[in-house]
N, C-alpha and C. Protein backbone atom coordinates (compact mmCIF):
# COMPACT_ATOMS: atom_id res chain seq x y z
N MET A 1 6.70 12.83 -12.39
CA MET A 1 7.14 12.58 -11.71
C MET A 1 7.40 13.26 -10.79
N LYS A 2 7.20 12.96 -9.33
CA LYS A 2 8.06 14.08 -8.61
C LYS A 2 9.12 13.34 -7.46
N PRO A 3 9.62 14.44 -7.01
CA PRO A 3 10.86 13.96 -5.94
C PRO A 3 10.67 13.28 -4.99
N ARG A 4 11.39 12.73 -4.62
CA ARG A 4 11.08 11.71 -2.74
C ARG A 4 11.49 12.19 -1.89
N GLY A 5 11.01 12.61 -0.91
CA GLY A 5 11.87 13.04 0.07
C GLY A 5 12.39 12.41 0.58
N PRO A 6 13.97 12.96 1.52
CA PRO A 6 14.39 11.52 2.44
C PRO A 6 13.46 11.07 3.35
N ARG A 7 13.80 9.89 3.60
CA ARG A 7 12.93 8.81 4.19
C ARG A 7 11.66 8.72 3.63
N GLN A 8 11.05 9.03 2.45
CA GLN A 8 9.74 9.11 2.45
C GLN A 8 9.08 7.64 1.94
N THR A 9 8.15 6.87 2.65
CA THR A 9 7.57 6.00 2.24
C THR A 9 6.16 5.69 1.72
N ILE A 10 5.57 7.04 2.05
CA ILE A 10 4.32 6.87 1.42
C ILE A 10 4.15 8.27 0.96
N CYS A 11 2.86 8.18 -0.23
CA CYS A 11 2.51 9.36 -0.95
C CYS A 11 2.22 10.14 -0.77
N ASP A 12 2.75 11.85 -1.35
CA ASP A 12 1.68 12.77 -0.61
C ASP A 12 1.17 13.60 -1.62
N GLU A 13 0.37 12.71 -2.74
CA GLU A 13 -0.57 13.76 -3.72
C GLU A 13 -1.38 13.93 -2.36
N PRO A 14 -1.83 15.13 -3.22
CA PRO A 14 -2.95 15.39 -2.34
C PRO A 14 -4.11 14.78 -2.81
N GLY A 15 -5.37 14.61 -1.68
CA GLY A 15 -6.42 13.69 -2.01
C GLY A 15 -7.87 14.52 -2.63
N GLY A 16 -8.62 14.23 -2.55
CA GLY A 16 -10.28 14.94 -2.96
C GLY A 16 -11.36 15.14 -1.89
N SER A 17 -10.65 14.97 -0.85
CA SER A 17 -11.87 15.19 0.13
C SER A 17 -10.81 15.71 1.24
N PRO A 18 -11.69 16.86 1.83
CA PRO A 18 -11.11 16.54 3.66
C PRO A 18 -10.84 15.80 4.69
N ARG A 19 -11.23 14.60 4.22
CA ARG A 19 -11.26 13.83 5.20
C ARG A 19 -10.28 12.83 5.34
N ASN A 20 -9.58 12.89 3.84
CA ASN A 20 -8.47 11.87 3.35
C ASN A 20 -7.37 13.19 2.94
N PRO A 21 -6.91 13.88 3.41
CA PRO A 21 -6.22 15.12 2.67
C PRO A 21 -4.76 14.60 1.75
N TYR A 22 -4.67 13.81 2.07
CA TYR A 22 -3.11 13.25 0.69
C TYR A 22 -3.60 12.16 0.80
N CYS A 23 -3.29 10.96 -0.35
CA CYS A 23 -3.41 9.35 -1.06
C CYS A 23 -2.85 8.81 0.44
N GLY A 24 -1.75 8.59 0.33
CA GLY A 24 -0.92 7.82 1.77
C GLY A 24 -0.56 6.14 1.33
N GLY A 25 -0.56 6.09 0.37
CA GLY A 25 -0.51 4.54 -0.49
C GLY A 25 1.21 4.76 -0.11
N LYS A 26 1.54 3.56 -0.18
CA LYS A 26 2.89 3.05 0.21
C LYS A 26 3.26 2.89 -1.21
N LEU A 27 5.03 3.18 -1.30
CA LEU A 27 5.77 3.52 -2.80
C LEU A 27 6.92 2.41 -2.52
N LYS A 28 6.54 2.01 -3.74
CA LYS A 28 7.11 0.54 -3.88
C LYS A 28 7.92 0.81 -5.41
N SER A 29 9.62 -0.06 -5.46
CA SER A 29 10.41 0.31 -6.74
C SER A 29 9.95 -0.35 -7.48
N VAL A 30 10.39 0.55 -8.68
CA VAL A 30 9.88 0.02 -9.69
C VAL A 30 11.14 -0.77 -10.68
N THR A 31 10.59 -1.78 -11.36
CA THR A 31 11.76 -2.28 -11.89
C THR A 31 11.66 -1.93 -13.31
N THR A 32 10.24 -2.43 -14.02
CA THR A 32 10.46 -1.58 -15.56
C THR A 32 10.09 -0.36 -15.68
N LEU A 33 10.19 0.57 -16.56
CA LEU A 33 9.54 1.91 -16.68
C LEU A 33 9.52 1.67 -18.50
N ASP A 34 8.15 2.69 -18.68
CA ASP A 34 8.40 2.80 -20.00
C ASP A 34 9.31 3.69 -20.54
N PRO A 35 9.61 4.35 -21.80
CA PRO A 35 10.81 4.71 -22.50
C PRO A 35 10.64 6.22 -21.55
N GLU A 36 9.36 7.02 -21.86
CA GLU A 36 9.70 8.41 -21.38
C GLU A 36 9.57 8.63 -19.77
N ALA A 37 9.36 7.72 -19.31
CA ALA A 37 9.74 8.32 -17.56
C ALA A 37 10.91 7.45 -17.36
N ALA A 38 11.66 6.30 -17.85
CA ALA A 38 13.01 6.32 -17.40
C ALA A 38 13.79 7.33 -17.98
N LEU A 39 13.55 8.13 -19.04
CA LEU A 39 14.13 9.69 -19.37
C LEU A 39 13.84 10.24 -18.72
N GLU A 40 12.79 10.50 -18.63
CA GLU A 40 12.65 11.98 -17.30
C GLU A 40 13.30 11.55 -15.95
N ALA A 41 13.00 10.07 -15.60
CA ALA A 41 13.91 10.29 -14.38
C ALA A 41 15.53 10.09 -14.40
N GLY A 42 15.91 9.93 -15.53
CA GLY A 42 17.58 10.22 -15.00
C GLY A 42 18.34 8.76 -15.62
N LYS A 43 19.37 8.87 -15.81
CA LYS A 43 19.96 7.79 -15.81
C LYS A 43 20.83 6.93 -14.61
N GLY A 44 20.36 5.90 -14.32
CA GLY A 44 20.61 5.45 -12.91
C GLY A 44 20.34 5.60 -11.92
N GLN A 45 19.10 6.60 -12.10
CA GLN A 45 17.82 6.32 -10.84
C GLN A 45 16.97 5.71 -10.56
N GLU A 46 16.70 5.63 -9.25
CA GLU A 46 16.04 4.51 -8.75
C GLU A 46 14.37 5.22 -8.58
N VAL A 47 13.29 4.59 -9.17
CA VAL A 47 11.91 5.18 -9.45
C VAL A 47 11.18 4.41 -8.45
N PHE A 48 9.96 5.18 -7.80
CA PHE A 48 9.17 4.46 -7.22
C PHE A 48 7.59 4.91 -7.55
N ARG A 49 6.88 3.55 -7.35
CA ARG A 49 5.79 3.98 -8.17
C ARG A 49 4.60 4.14 -6.74
N CYS A 50 3.37 4.64 -6.54
CA CYS A 50 2.38 4.86 -5.41
C CYS A 50 1.42 3.41 -5.46
N GLN A 51 0.82 2.60 -4.38
CA GLN A 51 0.36 1.65 -5.15
C GLN A 51 -0.89 1.95 -4.95
N ILE A 52 -1.20 2.91 -4.74
CA ILE A 52 -3.01 3.31 -4.72
C ILE A 52 -3.26 4.12 -5.96
N CYS A 53 -2.39 5.89 -6.29
CA CYS A 53 -2.93 6.28 -7.23
C CYS A 53 -1.80 6.31 -8.26
N GLY A 54 -0.39 5.54 -8.14
CA GLY A 54 0.27 5.68 -9.39
C GLY A 54 1.20 6.16 -9.72
N THR A 55 1.04 7.88 -8.84
CA THR A 55 2.41 8.14 -8.98
C THR A 55 3.51 8.23 -8.98
N LEU A 56 4.63 8.48 -9.87
CA LEU A 56 5.86 8.09 -9.79
C LEU A 56 6.82 9.29 -9.32
N TYR A 57 7.31 8.89 -7.97
CA TYR A 57 8.70 9.31 -7.24
C TYR A 57 10.31 8.77 -7.56
N SER A 58 10.82 10.32 -7.91
CA SER A 58 12.29 9.87 -8.32
C SER A 58 13.01 10.17 -7.43
N GLU A 59 14.61 9.03 -6.89
CA GLU A 59 15.09 9.05 -5.73
C GLU A 59 15.71 10.50 -5.74
N VAL A 60 16.31 11.11 -6.75
CA VAL A 60 17.10 12.16 -6.36
C VAL A 60 16.38 13.36 -7.28
N SER A 61 15.77 14.30 -6.82
CA SER A 61 15.22 15.56 -7.51
C SER A 61 15.86 15.90 -8.71
N PRO A 62 15.35 16.29 -9.85
CA PRO A 62 16.36 16.61 -10.99
C PRO A 62 16.35 18.18 -10.77
N TYR A 63 16.00 18.86 -9.74
CA TYR A 63 15.82 20.66 -9.42
C TYR A 63 16.82 20.69 -8.42
N ALA A 64 17.62 19.86 -7.65
CA ALA A 64 18.18 20.01 -6.56
C ALA A 64 19.89 19.96 -6.89
N PRO A 65 20.66 21.38 -6.63
CA PRO A 65 21.71 21.77 -7.10
C PRO A 65 23.15 20.71 -6.79
N ALA A 66 23.71 21.20 -8.29
CA ALA A 66 24.68 19.85 -7.96
C ALA A 66 25.62 19.62 -7.40
N GLY A 67 26.04 18.55 -6.25
CA GLY A 67 27.31 18.57 -5.01
C GLY A 67 26.71 18.00 -3.87
N ARG A 68 25.11 18.26 -3.67
CA ARG A 68 24.31 17.76 -2.73
C ARG A 68 24.07 16.34 -3.03
């Protein structure tokens, strides 16, 4: 699970070719998650999934300092 940047709407996962340096798939909100992914995201966090590669993004970074 990756943290989603401010106003990020496309996937920034690295691609495999020089012609396509990143995935570029649209991020859509996920309504149901498996229990492991829900635990990793944290309680009450919105989760997004890339429509192309399936990478999960969390609304707030778990590594961000508290209070920001």
